[in-house]
């Protein structure tokens, strides 16, 4: 009687072992170069200031943040899309932007113009967390 449940368990383990789990493909950034200007930590949070340059035609890739991001556009125009594929922000030189944390806020930033976009950002993150978490394309016709 105990043999049958053991066989079922062995079969389930065997199927899980040989069947690859579905993995969502992340969409890496392209044409974005960043440099850290300053970094410090206090009270369990990391404060990181970076400057990123987006070449014409570049994108951040789909991602989300563990912490808050506050940015200022120094040059160019950054087009920002939410996971519904709609533009949820168009940021020009002199504009500021804020991104809220959490995997429910998947987004992508793109430079659709002919000049580089220069963005200065401060990340306020939980200590040790990455600046961004890669995410798969939510079904939009672009990366």
N, C-alpha and C. Protein backbone atom coordinates (compact mmCIF):
# COMPACT_ATOMS: atom_id res chain seq x y z
N UNK A 1 0.81 -1.19 0.00
CA UNK A 1 0.00 0.00 0.00
C UNK A 1 0.86 1.26 0.00
N UNK A 2 1.95 1.27 0.73
CA UNK A 2 2.82 2.43 0.79
C UNK A 2 3.65 2.55 -0.49
N UNK A 3 3.74 1.51 -1.26
CA UNK A 3 4.55 1.53 -2.47
C UNK A 3 3.96 2.47 -3.52
N UNK A 4 2.66 2.52 -3.66
CA UNK A 4 2.04 3.35 -4.69
C UNK A 4 2.32 4.84 -4.47
N UNK A 5 2.11 5.42 -3.29
CA UNK A 5 2.44 6.84 -3.11
C UNK A 5 3.92 7.13 -3.35
N UNK A 6 4.79 6.19 -3.01
CA UNK A 6 6.22 6.38 -3.25
C UNK A 6 6.50 6.43 -4.74
N UNK A 7 5.86 5.58 -5.52
CA UNK A 7 6.05 5.59 -6.98
C UNK A 7 5.55 6.92 -7.58
N UNK A 8 4.42 7.39 -7.10
CA UNK A 8 3.88 8.66 -7.60
C UNK A 8 4.86 9.79 -7.27
N UNK A 9 5.38 9.80 -6.07
CA UNK A 9 6.33 10.83 -5.67
C UNK A 9 7.59 10.75 -6.54
N UNK A 10 8.09 9.55 -6.80
CA UNK A 10 9.28 9.39 -7.63
C UNK A 10 9.01 9.87 -9.05
N UNK A 11 7.82 9.59 -9.56
CA UNK A 11 7.46 10.02 -10.90
C UNK A 11 7.40 11.56 -10.97
N UNK A 12 6.82 12.19 -9.97
CA UNK A 12 6.74 13.65 -9.94
C UNK A 12 8.14 14.25 -9.89
N UNK A 13 9.01 13.72 -9.05
CA UNK A 13 10.38 14.22 -8.95
C UNK A 13 11.11 14.03 -10.28
N UNK A 14 10.92 12.88 -10.92
CA UNK A 14 11.57 12.63 -12.21
C UNK A 14 11.09 13.61 -13.27
N UNK A 15 9.80 13.86 -13.31
CA UNK A 15 9.26 14.80 -14.31
C UNK A 15 9.81 16.21 -14.06
N UNK A 16 9.85 16.64 -12.80
CA UNK A 16 10.40 17.96 -12.49
C UNK A 16 11.87 18.06 -12.83
N UNK A 17 12.59 16.97 -12.66
CA UNK A 17 14.03 16.98 -12.92
C UNK A 17 14.34 17.09 -14.41
N UNK A 18 13.57 16.42 -15.24
CA UNK A 18 13.87 16.41 -16.67
C UNK A 18 13.11 17.47 -17.46
N UNK A 19 12.09 18.09 -16.88
CA UNK A 19 11.33 19.11 -17.58
C UNK A 19 11.88 20.47 -17.21
N UNK A 20 12.39 21.23 -18.18
CA UNK A 20 12.91 22.55 -17.84
C UNK A 20 11.78 23.47 -17.39
N UNK A 21 12.05 24.24 -16.36
CA UNK A 21 11.09 25.21 -15.89
C UNK A 21 11.05 26.39 -16.86
N UNK A 22 9.87 26.93 -17.07
CA UNK A 22 9.74 28.08 -17.95
C UNK A 22 10.43 29.28 -17.31
N UNK A 23 11.23 29.96 -18.09
CA UNK A 23 11.92 31.13 -17.60
C UNK A 23 11.56 32.31 -18.48
N UNK A 24 11.29 33.41 -17.83
CA UNK A 24 11.01 34.63 -18.59
C UNK A 24 12.34 35.26 -18.98
N UNK A 25 12.42 35.66 -20.21
CA UNK A 25 13.66 36.26 -20.70
C UNK A 25 13.68 37.75 -20.33
N UNK A 26 14.72 38.15 -19.66
CA UNK A 26 14.89 39.56 -19.34
C UNK A 26 15.26 40.31 -20.61
N UNK A 27 15.00 41.59 -20.60
CA UNK A 27 15.34 42.42 -21.76
C UNK A 27 16.45 43.37 -21.33
N UNK A 28 17.69 43.05 -21.64
CA UNK A 28 18.80 43.87 -21.17
C UNK A 28 18.81 45.26 -21.83
N UNK A 29 19.46 46.17 -21.15
CA UNK A 29 19.61 47.51 -21.72
C UNK A 29 20.55 47.44 -22.92
N UNK A 30 20.44 48.45 -23.77
CA UNK A 30 21.39 48.57 -24.88
C UNK A 30 21.66 50.04 -25.11
N UNK A 31 22.91 50.38 -25.31
CA UNK A 31 23.29 51.75 -25.61
C UNK A 31 23.20 52.71 -24.44
N UNK A 32 23.16 52.18 -23.21
CA UNK A 32 23.11 53.03 -22.02
C UNK A 32 24.41 52.84 -21.26
N UNK A 33 25.11 53.94 -21.02
CA UNK A 33 26.36 53.90 -20.26
C UNK A 33 26.19 54.73 -19.00
N UNK A 34 26.54 54.11 -17.85
CA UNK A 34 26.34 54.77 -16.57
C UNK A 34 27.63 54.81 -15.77
N UNK A 35 27.71 55.84 -14.94
CA UNK A 35 28.86 55.96 -14.07
C UNK A 35 28.35 56.42 -12.70
N UNK A 36 28.86 55.75 -11.66
CA UNK A 36 28.49 56.10 -10.29
C UNK A 36 29.28 57.34 -9.88
N UNK A 37 28.56 58.36 -9.40
CA UNK A 37 29.19 59.60 -8.97
C UNK A 37 29.44 59.63 -7.47
N UNK A 38 28.52 59.00 -6.71
CA UNK A 38 28.66 58.98 -5.26
C UNK A 38 27.83 57.83 -4.70
N UNK A 39 28.32 57.25 -3.59
CA UNK A 39 27.59 56.17 -2.94
C UNK A 39 27.82 56.24 -1.45
N UNK A 40 26.73 56.10 -0.66
CA UNK A 40 26.85 56.04 0.79
C UNK A 40 25.71 55.19 1.33
N UNK A 41 25.84 54.80 2.58
CA UNK A 41 24.80 54.00 3.24
C UNK A 41 24.52 54.58 4.62
N UNK A 42 23.25 54.50 5.00
CA UNK A 42 22.86 54.96 6.32
C UNK A 42 21.51 54.35 6.68
N UNK A 43 21.38 53.91 7.92
CA UNK A 43 20.11 53.40 8.44
C UNK A 43 19.48 52.33 7.55
N UNK A 44 20.29 51.40 7.05
CA UNK A 44 19.77 50.30 6.24
C UNK A 44 19.40 50.66 4.82
N UNK A 45 19.84 51.83 4.38
CA UNK A 45 19.55 52.25 3.00
C UNK A 45 20.85 52.65 2.29
N UNK A 46 20.88 52.38 0.99
CA UNK A 46 21.98 52.82 0.14
C UNK A 46 21.51 54.03 -0.65
N UNK A 47 22.38 55.03 -0.74
CA UNK A 47 22.12 56.24 -1.53
C UNK A 47 23.18 56.28 -2.62
N UNK A 48 22.74 56.16 -3.86
CA UNK A 48 23.67 56.05 -4.99
C UNK A 48 23.28 57.09 -6.03
N UNK A 49 24.24 57.93 -6.40
CA UNK A 49 24.03 58.92 -7.45
C UNK A 49 24.79 58.45 -8.69
N UNK A 50 24.07 58.43 -9.82
CA UNK A 50 24.68 58.00 -11.09
C UNK A 50 24.29 58.94 -12.20
N UNK A 51 25.14 58.97 -13.19
CA UNK A 51 24.81 59.67 -14.43
C UNK A 51 24.79 58.64 -15.54
N UNK A 52 23.70 58.63 -16.29
CA UNK A 52 23.53 57.68 -17.39
C UNK A 52 23.35 58.44 -18.69
N UNK A 53 24.04 57.96 -19.73
CA UNK A 53 23.91 58.53 -21.07
C UNK A 53 23.27 57.47 -21.96
N UNK A 54 22.17 57.85 -22.60
CA UNK A 54 21.43 56.97 -23.50
C UNK A 54 21.74 57.39 -24.92
N UNK A 55 22.38 56.52 -25.68
CA UNK A 55 22.62 56.80 -27.09
C UNK A 55 21.27 56.87 -27.82
N UNK A 56 21.20 57.58 -28.96
CA UNK A 56 19.97 57.55 -29.76
C UNK A 56 19.59 56.11 -30.09
N UNK A 57 18.33 55.79 -29.93
CA UNK A 57 17.84 54.44 -30.20
C UNK A 57 18.03 53.46 -29.07
N UNK A 58 18.54 53.88 -27.93
CA UNK A 58 18.84 52.96 -26.83
C UNK A 58 17.64 52.80 -25.89
N UNK A 59 17.77 51.81 -25.00
CA UNK A 59 16.73 51.61 -23.98
C UNK A 59 17.35 51.00 -22.72
N UNK A 60 16.61 51.15 -21.63
CA UNK A 60 17.05 50.58 -20.35
C UNK A 60 16.78 49.08 -20.27
N UNK A 61 15.94 48.57 -21.15
CA UNK A 61 15.42 47.22 -20.99
C UNK A 61 14.31 47.27 -19.94
N UNK A 62 13.44 46.28 -19.95
CA UNK A 62 12.33 46.23 -18.98
C UNK A 62 12.90 45.90 -17.61
N UNK A 63 12.43 46.62 -16.61
CA UNK A 63 12.94 46.43 -15.25
C UNK A 63 12.01 47.08 -14.24
N UNK A 64 12.34 46.89 -12.96
CA UNK A 64 11.67 47.56 -11.85
C UNK A 64 12.71 47.81 -10.76
N UNK A 65 12.36 48.58 -9.75
CA UNK A 65 13.31 48.96 -8.72
C UNK A 65 12.85 48.50 -7.34
N UNK A 66 13.81 48.13 -6.50
CA UNK A 66 13.54 47.78 -5.10
C UNK A 66 13.36 49.02 -4.24
N UNK A 67 13.92 50.13 -4.67
CA UNK A 67 13.85 51.38 -3.93
C UNK A 67 13.31 52.49 -4.81
N UNK A 68 13.35 53.69 -4.28
CA UNK A 68 12.87 54.86 -5.00
C UNK A 68 13.98 55.45 -5.86
N UNK A 69 13.62 55.93 -7.01
CA UNK A 69 14.56 56.56 -7.94
C UNK A 69 14.05 57.97 -8.22
N UNK A 70 14.92 58.96 -8.09
CA UNK A 70 14.59 60.35 -8.42
C UNK A 70 15.62 60.81 -9.44
N UNK A 71 15.16 61.33 -10.57
CA UNK A 71 16.08 61.69 -11.64
C UNK A 71 15.82 63.07 -12.20
N UNK A 72 16.82 63.58 -12.89
CA UNK A 72 16.73 64.86 -13.60
C UNK A 72 17.34 64.69 -14.98
N UNK A 73 16.61 65.11 -15.99
CA UNK A 73 17.10 65.04 -17.36
C UNK A 73 17.99 66.25 -17.60
N UNK A 74 19.24 66.00 -17.95
CA UNK A 74 20.18 67.09 -18.22
C UNK A 74 20.24 67.44 -19.70
N UNK A 75 19.90 66.45 -20.56
CA UNK A 75 19.98 66.66 -22.00
C UNK A 75 19.08 65.65 -22.69
N UNK A 76 18.43 66.05 -23.78
CA UNK A 76 17.64 65.13 -24.59
C UNK A 76 16.24 64.92 -24.06
N UNK A 77 15.59 63.89 -24.61
CA UNK A 77 14.22 63.53 -24.23
C UNK A 77 14.16 62.03 -23.97
N UNK A 78 13.69 61.66 -22.78
CA UNK A 78 13.52 60.26 -22.40
C UNK A 78 12.04 59.91 -22.45
N UNK A 79 11.71 58.85 -23.18
CA UNK A 79 10.34 58.37 -23.26
C UNK A 79 10.22 57.17 -22.32
N UNK A 80 9.25 57.21 -21.42
CA UNK A 80 9.07 56.22 -20.37
C UNK A 80 7.76 55.48 -20.59
N UNK A 81 7.80 54.15 -20.58
CA UNK A 81 6.62 53.32 -20.81
C UNK A 81 6.35 52.45 -19.59
N UNK A 82 5.07 52.27 -19.28
CA UNK A 82 4.65 51.33 -18.26
C UNK A 82 4.39 49.96 -18.87
N UNK A 83 4.03 49.01 -18.02
CA UNK A 83 3.84 47.63 -18.49
C UNK A 83 2.61 47.46 -19.38
N UNK A 84 1.78 48.50 -19.50
CA UNK A 84 0.64 48.44 -20.42
C UNK A 84 1.02 48.90 -21.83
N UNK A 85 2.32 49.13 -22.06
CA UNK A 85 2.88 49.54 -23.35
C UNK A 85 2.60 51.00 -23.70
N UNK A 86 1.96 51.73 -22.81
CA UNK A 86 1.63 53.14 -23.08
C UNK A 86 2.71 54.05 -22.50
N UNK A 87 2.92 55.19 -23.16
CA UNK A 87 3.84 56.19 -22.64
C UNK A 87 3.24 56.74 -21.35
N UNK A 88 4.00 56.66 -20.26
CA UNK A 88 3.52 57.22 -18.99
C UNK A 88 4.39 58.39 -18.54
N UNK A 89 5.33 58.80 -19.40
CA UNK A 89 6.15 59.96 -19.11
C UNK A 89 7.00 60.33 -20.31
N UNK A 90 7.08 61.61 -20.59
CA UNK A 90 7.95 62.14 -21.63
C UNK A 90 8.75 63.24 -20.95
N UNK A 91 10.04 62.99 -20.75
CA UNK A 91 10.88 63.86 -19.94
C UNK A 91 11.92 64.56 -20.81
N UNK A 92 11.93 65.88 -20.76
CA UNK A 92 12.86 66.71 -21.53
C UNK A 92 13.90 67.32 -20.61
N UNK A 93 14.94 67.89 -21.22
CA UNK A 93 15.99 68.55 -20.44
C UNK A 93 15.36 69.53 -19.45
N UNK A 94 15.77 69.44 -18.18
CA UNK A 94 15.24 70.28 -17.12
C UNK A 94 14.13 69.63 -16.33
N UNK A 95 13.53 68.54 -16.85
CA UNK A 95 12.46 67.84 -16.15
C UNK A 95 13.02 66.91 -15.08
N UNK A 96 12.21 66.70 -14.04
CA UNK A 96 12.54 65.69 -13.03
C UNK A 96 11.56 64.55 -13.15
N UNK A 97 11.95 63.41 -12.60
CA UNK A 97 11.10 62.23 -12.64
C UNK A 97 11.29 61.44 -11.35
N UNK A 98 10.29 60.63 -11.02
CA UNK A 98 10.37 59.76 -9.85
C UNK A 98 9.77 58.42 -10.23
N UNK A 99 10.44 57.35 -9.84
CA UNK A 99 9.92 56.00 -10.06
C UNK A 99 9.72 55.35 -8.70
N UNK A 100 8.58 54.72 -8.53
CA UNK A 100 8.26 54.06 -7.28
C UNK A 100 8.72 52.60 -7.31
N UNK A 101 9.01 52.04 -6.15
CA UNK A 101 9.53 50.68 -6.11
C UNK A 101 8.44 49.61 -6.27
N UNK A 102 8.91 48.42 -6.62
CA UNK A 102 8.05 47.24 -6.61
C UNK A 102 7.90 46.58 -7.97
N UNK A 103 7.77 45.26 -7.96
CA UNK A 103 7.65 44.50 -9.21
C UNK A 103 6.37 44.80 -9.98
N UNK A 104 5.41 45.43 -9.33
CA UNK A 104 4.19 45.82 -10.04
C UNK A 104 4.39 47.09 -10.87
N UNK A 105 5.60 47.66 -10.80
CA UNK A 105 5.91 48.89 -11.55
C UNK A 105 6.98 48.64 -12.61
N UNK A 106 6.79 47.61 -13.41
CA UNK A 106 7.71 47.30 -14.49
C UNK A 106 7.62 48.39 -15.54
N UNK A 107 8.78 48.81 -16.06
CA UNK A 107 8.81 49.91 -17.02
C UNK A 107 10.07 49.84 -17.87
N UNK A 108 10.12 50.72 -18.85
CA UNK A 108 11.28 50.83 -19.73
C UNK A 108 11.45 52.31 -20.09
N UNK A 109 12.70 52.75 -20.20
CA UNK A 109 13.01 54.09 -20.67
C UNK A 109 13.70 53.97 -22.01
N UNK A 110 13.31 54.83 -22.97
CA UNK A 110 13.87 54.76 -24.32
C UNK A 110 14.25 56.14 -24.82
N UNK A 111 15.34 56.19 -25.57
CA UNK A 111 15.72 57.42 -26.26
C UNK A 111 15.30 57.26 -27.71
N UNK A 112 14.21 57.88 -28.07
CA UNK A 112 13.69 57.79 -29.44
C UNK A 112 14.19 58.94 -30.30
N UNK A 113 14.98 59.84 -29.71
CA UNK A 113 15.48 61.00 -30.42
C UNK A 113 16.79 60.75 -31.15
N UNK A 114 17.35 61.82 -31.71
CA UNK A 114 18.59 61.72 -32.48
C UNK A 114 19.80 62.24 -31.71
N UNK A 115 19.59 62.70 -30.47
CA UNK A 115 20.69 63.16 -29.63
C UNK A 115 20.72 62.35 -28.35
N UNK A 116 21.87 62.22 -27.71
CA UNK A 116 21.95 61.46 -26.47
C UNK A 116 21.07 62.08 -25.36
N UNK A 117 20.56 61.22 -24.50
CA UNK A 117 19.87 61.64 -23.29
C UNK A 117 20.87 61.49 -22.14
N UNK A 118 20.98 62.52 -21.32
CA UNK A 118 21.81 62.45 -20.13
C UNK A 118 20.88 62.59 -18.93
N UNK A 119 20.93 61.59 -18.06
CA UNK A 119 20.04 61.51 -16.91
C UNK A 119 20.87 61.37 -15.65
N UNK A 120 20.64 62.24 -14.68
CA UNK A 120 21.30 62.11 -13.38
C UNK A 120 20.25 61.58 -12.41
N UNK A 121 20.62 60.54 -11.66
CA UNK A 121 19.67 59.82 -10.82
C UNK A 121 20.23 59.61 -9.43
N UNK A 122 19.35 59.69 -8.42
CA UNK A 122 19.70 59.20 -7.09
C UNK A 122 18.78 58.03 -6.78
N UNK A 123 19.39 56.94 -6.39
CA UNK A 123 18.67 55.74 -5.98
C UNK A 123 18.66 55.71 -4.46
N UNK A 124 17.50 55.47 -3.88
CA UNK A 124 17.37 55.28 -2.44
C UNK A 124 16.86 53.86 -2.27
N UNK A 125 17.78 52.96 -1.96
CA UNK A 125 17.51 51.53 -1.99
C UNK A 125 17.63 50.89 -0.61
N UNK A 126 16.93 49.79 -0.40
CA UNK A 126 17.25 48.98 0.77
C UNK A 126 18.71 48.52 0.63
N UNK A 127 19.44 48.51 1.72
CA UNK A 127 20.87 48.18 1.68
C UNK A 127 21.12 46.87 0.95
N UNK A 128 22.08 46.91 0.03
CA UNK A 128 22.52 45.72 -0.69
C UNK A 128 21.68 45.32 -1.88
N UNK A 129 20.58 45.99 -2.12
CA UNK A 129 19.74 45.63 -3.27
C UNK A 129 20.33 46.21 -4.55
N UNK A 130 20.08 45.55 -5.70
CA UNK A 130 20.58 46.08 -6.97
C UNK A 130 19.84 47.36 -7.35
N UNK A 131 20.41 48.12 -8.25
CA UNK A 131 19.77 49.36 -8.70
C UNK A 131 18.49 49.08 -9.48
N UNK A 132 18.45 47.96 -10.18
CA UNK A 132 17.26 47.58 -10.95
C UNK A 132 17.17 46.06 -11.00
N UNK A 133 15.95 45.57 -11.11
CA UNK A 133 15.68 44.14 -11.27
C UNK A 133 15.17 43.94 -12.70
N UNK A 134 15.85 43.08 -13.47
CA UNK A 134 15.43 42.81 -14.84
C UNK A 134 14.04 42.18 -14.86
N UNK A 135 13.30 42.47 -15.91
CA UNK A 135 11.97 41.91 -16.09
C UNK A 135 11.77 41.54 -17.55
N UNK A 136 10.91 40.58 -17.82
CA UNK A 136 10.61 40.25 -19.22
C UNK A 136 9.74 41.33 -19.84
N UNK A 137 9.78 41.41 -21.15
CA UNK A 137 8.89 42.30 -21.88
C UNK A 137 7.46 41.86 -21.57
N UNK A 138 6.59 42.77 -21.11
CA UNK A 138 5.22 42.38 -20.73
C UNK A 138 4.30 42.16 -21.94
N UNK A 139 4.85 42.14 -23.13
CA UNK A 139 4.03 41.90 -24.31
C UNK A 139 3.97 43.08 -25.26
N UNK A 140 4.84 44.05 -25.05
CA UNK A 140 4.86 45.24 -25.91
C UNK A 140 5.62 44.93 -27.20
N UNK A 141 5.32 45.64 -28.28
CA UNK A 141 5.98 45.37 -29.57
C UNK A 141 7.36 45.99 -29.70
N UNK A 142 7.98 46.35 -28.58
CA UNK A 142 9.32 46.93 -28.58
C UNK A 142 10.05 46.50 -27.32
N UNK A 143 11.38 46.63 -27.35
CA UNK A 143 12.21 46.34 -26.17
C UNK A 143 12.98 47.57 -25.81
